[in-house]
Protein backbone atom coordinates (compact mmCIF):
# COMPACT_ATOMS: atom_id res chain seq x y z
CA MET A 1 -27.17 -21.88 -6.85
CA SER A 2 -23.68 -20.38 -7.08
CA ARG A 3 -21.23 -21.55 -9.74
CA PRO A 4 -18.27 -23.74 -8.69
CA GLY A 5 -15.09 -22.01 -7.63
CA GLY A 6 -15.92 -20.00 -4.53
CA LEU A 7 -13.90 -17.30 -2.79
CA LEU A 8 -13.13 -16.91 0.93
CA LEU A 9 -11.53 -13.74 2.31
CA VAL A 10 -10.04 -13.38 5.79
CA HIS A 11 -10.08 -9.77 6.98
CA ALA A 12 -9.21 -8.24 10.34
CA HIS A 13 -11.84 -5.52 10.87
CA PRO A 14 -15.09 -4.21 9.44
CA ASP A 15 -14.06 -1.89 6.52
CA ASP A 16 -11.00 -3.94 5.51
CA GLU A 17 -13.14 -5.79 2.98
CA CYS A 18 -13.56 -2.63 0.87
CA PHE A 19 -10.26 -1.00 0.15
CA ALA A 20 -8.20 -3.78 -1.45
CA THR A 21 -10.84 -6.41 -2.17
CA GLY A 22 -14.19 -4.64 -2.60
CA GLY A 23 -13.96 -4.88 -6.35
CA LEU A 24 -12.96 -8.54 -6.23
CA ILE A 25 -15.93 -9.31 -3.99
CA ALA A 26 -18.39 -7.44 -6.21
CA ARG A 27 -16.96 -8.99 -9.38
CA SER A 28 -17.10 -12.50 -7.91
CA VAL A 29 -20.73 -11.99 -6.88
CA ALA A 30 -21.48 -10.67 -10.36
CA GLU A 31 -19.89 -13.81 -11.83
CA GLY A 32 -22.30 -15.90 -9.78
CA ARG A 33 -19.75 -17.21 -7.30
CA ARG A 34 -20.19 -17.94 -3.63
CA VAL A 35 -18.17 -15.46 -1.58
CA ASP A 36 -17.50 -15.93 2.14
CA LEU A 37 -16.16 -12.94 4.08
CA VAL A 38 -14.54 -13.73 7.43
CA VAL A 39 -14.09 -10.78 9.80
CA CYS A 40 -11.84 -11.63 12.73
CA THR A 41 -12.67 -8.74 15.12
CA GLY A 42 -15.42 -6.28 15.92
CA GLY A 43 -13.29 -3.20 15.22
CA GLU A 44 -13.83 -1.82 18.73
CA GLU A 45 -10.62 0.24 18.66
CA GLY A 46 -11.42 2.14 15.49
CA GLU A 47 -11.64 5.91 15.67
CA VAL A 48 -14.93 7.79 15.35
CA HIS A 49 -14.87 10.05 12.29
CA ASP A 50 -18.60 10.13 11.59
CA PRO A 51 -19.67 13.79 12.11
CA ALA A 52 -23.17 12.59 12.98
CA LEU A 53 -21.86 10.81 16.10
CA ASP A 54 -20.65 12.09 19.45
CA PRO A 55 -17.30 10.25 19.89
CA GLU A 56 -17.69 9.96 23.66
CA GLU A 57 -21.18 8.52 23.35
CA ALA A 58 -20.32 6.27 20.43
CA ARG A 59 -17.09 4.73 21.70
CA PRO A 60 -18.67 2.23 24.15
CA ARG A 61 -20.80 0.84 21.33
CA MET A 62 -18.24 0.77 18.52
CA ARG A 63 -18.65 -2.95 17.99
CA GLU A 64 -22.37 -2.46 17.34
CA ILE A 65 -21.82 0.61 15.15
CA ARG A 66 -19.17 -1.03 13.01
CA ALA A 67 -21.29 -4.16 12.65
CA GLY A 68 -24.01 -1.97 11.16
CA GLU A 69 -21.50 -0.33 8.82
CA LEU A 70 -20.35 -3.77 7.69
CA GLU A 71 -23.93 -4.81 6.96
CA CYS A 72 -24.33 -1.71 4.82
CA SER A 73 -21.09 -2.43 2.95
CA VAL A 74 -21.97 -6.06 2.33
CA ALA A 75 -25.38 -5.05 0.98
CA ARG A 76 -23.70 -2.77 -1.58
CA LEU A 77 -21.29 -5.52 -2.69
CA ARG A 78 -23.95 -8.24 -2.61
CA GLY A 79 -26.10 -6.23 -4.98
CA ALA A 80 -23.58 -6.63 -7.79
CA GLY A 81 -25.03 -9.86 -9.14
CA PRO A 82 -26.51 -13.34 -8.71
CA GLY A 83 -23.81 -14.86 -6.50
CA GLU A 84 -24.02 -15.09 -2.72
CA LEU A 85 -22.06 -13.18 -0.11
CA ASN A 86 -21.93 -14.64 3.38
CA VAL A 87 -20.38 -12.97 6.45
CA HIS A 88 -18.69 -14.91 9.25
CA ARG A 89 -17.47 -13.23 12.43
CA LEU A 90 -14.73 -15.06 14.32
CA GLY A 91 -15.72 -13.12 17.46
CA PHE A 92 -12.42 -11.68 18.69
CA ARG A 93 -11.85 -8.18 20.04
CA ASP A 94 -9.94 -5.52 18.10
CA SER A 95 -6.32 -5.56 19.31
CA GLY A 96 -5.51 -1.93 18.65
CA MET A 97 -1.90 -1.12 17.87
CA MET A 98 1.21 -2.82 19.21
CA ASP A 99 2.01 -2.05 22.88
CA SER A 100 -1.37 -0.37 23.47
CA GLU A 101 -3.62 -1.29 26.38
CA ALA A 102 -6.12 -2.75 23.92
CA ASN A 103 -3.39 -5.03 22.59
CA LYS A 104 -3.10 -6.62 26.04
CA HIS A 105 -6.83 -7.24 26.47
CA PRO A 106 -7.45 -10.97 27.10
CA ASP A 107 -10.14 -11.05 24.38
CA ALA A 108 -7.95 -9.28 21.80
CA PHE A 109 -7.25 -11.18 18.60
CA TRP A 110 -3.52 -10.67 19.18
CA GLN A 111 -3.83 -12.59 22.46
CA ALA A 112 -5.92 -15.40 20.96
CA ASP A 113 -4.85 -19.00 21.19
CA LEU A 114 -3.71 -19.85 17.65
CA ASP A 115 -5.22 -23.33 17.78
CA ASP A 116 -8.59 -21.96 18.89
CA ALA A 117 -8.64 -19.28 16.18
CA THR A 118 -7.51 -21.78 13.56
CA GLY A 119 -10.28 -24.19 14.51
CA ARG A 120 -12.92 -21.49 14.16
CA LEU A 121 -11.72 -20.69 10.65
CA VAL A 122 -11.34 -24.34 9.66
CA ALA A 123 -15.05 -24.82 10.36
CA VAL A 124 -15.86 -21.95 7.98
CA ILE A 125 -13.56 -23.28 5.25
CA ARG A 126 -14.98 -26.79 5.41
CA ALA A 127 -18.53 -25.48 5.25
CA ALA A 128 -17.89 -22.98 2.45
CA LYS A 129 -15.49 -25.15 0.39
CA PRO A 130 -13.81 -22.23 -1.44
CA ALA A 131 -11.48 -22.76 -4.37
CA VAL A 132 -9.54 -19.62 -3.43
CA MET A 133 -8.56 -17.89 -0.18
CA VAL A 134 -7.36 -14.28 0.20
CA THR A 135 -5.79 -12.45 3.14
CA TYR A 136 -2.86 -10.13 3.91
CA ASP A 137 0.87 -10.80 3.68
CA ALA A 138 2.92 -11.95 6.69
CA ASN A 139 3.32 -8.34 7.88
CA GLY A 140 -0.40 -7.70 7.60
CA ASN A 141 0.46 -5.37 4.69
CA TYR A 142 1.26 -2.55 7.10
CA GLY A 143 2.09 -4.08 10.48
CA HIS A 144 -1.24 -3.96 12.33
CA PRO A 145 -1.33 -6.87 14.81
CA ASP A 146 -4.81 -7.98 13.77
CA HIS A 147 -3.76 -8.09 10.12
CA ILE A 148 -0.64 -10.06 11.01
CA ASN A 149 -2.71 -12.53 13.02
CA ALA A 150 -5.27 -12.81 10.23
CA HIS A 151 -2.45 -13.98 7.96
CA ARG A 152 -1.17 -16.47 10.53
CA VAL A 153 -4.61 -17.93 11.18
CA ALA A 154 -5.54 -18.05 7.48
CA VAL A 155 -2.38 -19.99 6.57
CA ALA A 156 -2.79 -22.36 9.51
CA ALA A 157 -6.46 -22.94 8.74
CA MET A 158 -5.89 -23.57 5.03
CA GLN A 159 -3.39 -26.28 5.92
CA ALA A 160 -5.46 -27.76 8.74
CA ALA A 161 -8.71 -27.80 6.73
CA ALA A 162 -7.16 -30.29 4.30
CA ASP A 163 -6.00 -32.61 7.10
CA SER A 164 -8.72 -35.01 8.30
CA SER A 165 -6.84 -35.58 11.57
CA ARG A 166 -7.12 -31.89 12.51
CA PHE A 167 -10.32 -30.51 14.01
CA PRO A 168 -12.51 -33.52 13.07
CA GLU A 169 -15.43 -31.83 14.83
CA ALA A 170 -15.29 -29.02 12.24
CA GLY A 171 -16.50 -31.16 9.36
CA GLN A 172 -15.08 -33.18 6.50
CA ALA A 173 -11.58 -32.26 5.34
CA PHE A 174 -11.40 -29.87 2.39
CA ALA A 175 -8.38 -28.63 0.41
CA VAL A 176 -8.36 -25.03 -0.83
CA ALA A 177 -6.74 -24.86 -4.27
CA LYS A 178 -5.09 -21.40 -4.24
CA PHE A 179 -4.03 -18.91 -1.55
CA TYR A 180 -3.44 -15.22 -2.27
CA GLU A 181 -2.06 -12.25 -0.37
CA VAL A 182 -3.34 -8.71 -0.92
CA ALA A 183 -0.73 -6.47 -2.56
CA PHE A 184 -0.63 -2.69 -2.87
CA ASN A 185 0.88 -1.89 -6.25
CA ARG A 186 3.87 0.32 -5.34
CA ASP A 187 4.38 1.61 -8.90
CA ARG A 188 0.76 2.65 -9.28
CA TRP A 189 0.59 4.23 -5.80
CA THR A 190 3.80 6.18 -6.37
CA SER A 191 2.50 7.50 -9.66
CA VAL A 192 -0.80 8.65 -8.14
CA MET A 193 0.89 10.23 -5.08
CA GLU A 194 3.30 12.16 -7.30
CA GLU A 195 0.41 13.48 -9.38
CA MET A 196 -1.49 14.44 -6.20
CA LYS A 197 1.55 16.44 -5.03
CA GLU A 198 1.80 18.16 -8.40
CA ARG A 199 -1.84 19.23 -8.08
CA GLY A 200 -1.28 20.49 -4.52
CA MET A 201 -3.52 17.85 -2.98
CA LYS A 202 -3.14 16.54 0.56
CA LEU A 203 -1.66 13.05 0.63
CA PRO A 204 -3.18 10.29 2.79
CA TRP A 205 -1.80 8.86 6.02
CA ASP A 206 1.87 9.83 6.60
CA PHE A 207 2.82 10.44 2.99
CA ASP A 208 2.55 14.21 3.42
CA ALA A 209 5.14 14.18 6.22
CA GLU A 210 7.48 12.09 4.10
CA ALA A 211 7.09 14.44 1.16
CA ASP A 212 7.98 17.41 3.41
CA GLY A 213 10.99 15.65 4.92
CA GLU A 214 9.34 15.43 8.36
CA ALA A 215 9.32 11.65 8.59
CA GLU A 216 11.60 9.95 11.08
CA ALA A 217 15.10 9.49 9.67
CA LYS A 218 15.91 5.94 8.55
CA PRO A 219 19.19 4.16 9.39
CA GLU A 220 21.68 4.11 6.58
CA GLY A 221 20.87 1.38 4.10
CA GLU A 222 17.23 1.03 5.18
CA PRO A 223 14.75 1.81 2.40
CA ALA A 224 12.66 4.97 2.58
CA GLU A 225 9.01 4.50 3.57
CA GLU A 226 7.69 5.12 0.07
CA GLU A 227 10.09 2.47 -1.24
CA SER A 228 9.06 -0.10 1.37
CA PHE A 229 5.32 0.47 1.01
CA GLY A 230 3.53 -2.04 -1.17
CA VAL A 231 4.83 -4.49 -3.75
CA PRO A 232 6.59 -3.63 -7.04
CA GLU A 233 4.36 -4.43 -9.98
CA ALA A 234 6.97 -6.87 -11.28
CA GLU A 235 6.39 -9.05 -8.20
CA ILE A 236 2.58 -9.00 -8.42
CA THR A 237 1.23 -12.23 -9.89
CA THR A 238 -2.40 -11.25 -10.35
CA LEU A 239 -4.04 -8.01 -11.50
CA VAL A 240 -7.83 -8.13 -11.43
CA ASP A 241 -9.73 -5.56 -13.46
CA VAL A 242 -12.60 -4.37 -11.24
CA SER A 243 -13.31 -1.09 -13.02
CA ALA A 244 -16.87 -2.19 -13.85
CA TRP A 245 -17.53 -2.57 -10.12
CA SER A 246 -15.85 0.63 -8.91
CA SER A 247 -19.18 2.23 -8.06
CA ALA A 248 -20.13 -0.72 -5.83
CA LYS A 249 -16.71 -0.57 -4.20
CA ARG A 250 -17.00 3.16 -3.51
CA ALA A 251 -20.55 2.75 -2.19
CA ALA A 252 -19.30 0.06 0.22
CA MET A 253 -16.54 2.40 1.42
CA GLU A 254 -19.09 5.13 2.06
CA CYS A 255 -20.85 2.82 4.51
CA HIS A 256 -17.91 2.88 6.92
CA ARG A 257 -18.56 6.42 8.11
CA THR A 258 -16.64 6.09 11.38
CA GLN A 259 -13.49 5.18 9.43
CA ARG A 260 -13.38 8.12 7.04
CA GLN A 261 -9.79 8.85 8.05
CA ASP A 262 -8.69 5.65 6.30
CA PHE A 263 -10.14 6.16 2.83
CA GLY A 264 -12.27 9.30 2.88
CA TRP A 265 -9.47 10.93 0.89
CA LEU A 266 -9.97 8.39 -1.91
CA LEU A 267 -13.70 9.06 -2.08
CA GLU A 268 -12.91 12.75 -2.59
CA LEU A 269 -10.31 12.23 -5.34
CA PRO A 270 -11.06 13.40 -8.89
CA ASP A 271 -12.36 10.50 -10.95
CA ASP A 272 -9.23 10.22 -13.09
CA LEU A 273 -7.03 9.63 -10.03
CA ALA A 274 -9.55 7.56 -8.08
CA SER A 275 -9.95 5.15 -10.99
CA ARG A 276 -6.22 4.35 -10.85
CA ILE A 277 -6.43 3.45 -7.16
CA LEU A 278 -9.71 1.54 -7.34
CA SER A 279 -8.76 -0.78 -10.22
CA PRO A 280 -7.08 -3.10 -10.89
CA GLU A 281 -6.80 -4.84 -7.52
CA SER A 282 -3.49 -6.59 -6.95
CA PHE A 283 -2.62 -9.95 -5.41
CA VAL A 284 0.30 -12.31 -5.02
CA LEU A 285 -0.33 -16.04 -5.34
CA THR A 286 1.78 -17.61 -2.60
CA ARG A 287 0.37 -21.14 -2.26
CA TRP A 288 -0.87 -23.47 -4.96
CA PRO A 289 -0.19 -26.87 -3.37
CA TYR A 290 -1.06 -29.11 -6.29
CA GLN A 291 0.60 -27.14 -9.07
CA GLY A 292 3.13 -24.73 -7.62
CA VAL A 293 3.60 -21.04 -8.39
CA ALA A 294 5.56 -20.33 -11.57
CA PRO A 295 8.20 -17.59 -11.11
CA ASP A 296 6.88 -15.62 -14.10
CA LEU A 297 3.18 -16.02 -13.34
CA HIS A 298 0.88 -13.25 -14.57
CA GLU A 299 -2.87 -13.71 -14.12
CA THR A 300 -5.98 -11.60 -14.61
CA SER A 301 -8.19 -13.76 -12.39
CA LEU A 302 -7.72 -15.58 -9.09
CA PHE A 303 -9.55 -18.53 -10.61
CA GLU A 304 -7.20 -19.10 -13.56
CA GLY A 305 -5.89 -22.64 -13.82
CA LEU A 306 -8.75 -24.20 -11.89
CA GLU A 307 -10.92 -26.88 -13.45
CA GLU A 308 -14.07 -24.89 -12.72
CA SER A 309 -13.11 -21.27 -13.37
């Protein structure tokens, strides 16, 4: 039986569980907690970067492929200890990027009725009874529509789950104690990217273009991309040391072979640099209804301040 004080994470796609929260999941399982992972979409619009697959053949069955990758990842994280790790799929379709054809698909998460999506998640919350919830910030951390919607639905469901008049068919009302948003530590990322440049290493995503001055010019007064990415460490409320579970986190990442473009670069980093990206994982506590969030809060666990921690 899991110890009191469970964790529920709301993620957009298969593979999102690894990068920013894989260590938290593995650590929580190792601590004997119940962990519930909610995945909102099937990841159908993800690219195919697995060299063992023919992209044309694989694309029609991406939902199936990515479901298998998620099972592999969860097995790696579940193996970290005596706790339990449960997966819940909300059943929506990957929305792709803004203004894409996929974004307009009637089954896309971006097109979902908010009340319907909220009700699906409320049922999970009331069944799991987590002490803590985790998802992205209001911009989905980087603007992807499915991440933005995951935030919207998670906030709405946390509030509705505690209200017995909302979704009575979804079970007995339950109040989640604390609500966190994933944060990318800007100071730590900047430090690692600068060291990668000094060593002549290719930077991930669009950081190489920015370093070479090829990025789109910003209007006067608008912050540069590297300054707008992530959250300054001074604004991060919670730093969770997951260094002891870095190997489980990396093994989970390796499972998502079709998505190597997202974090394959991290798996190939020298250990000294990779360790600074993998741990600690960073979060911002944004909702603590019964206590409030102190302006100078600094935690080392998402379960601090709870009766059963």
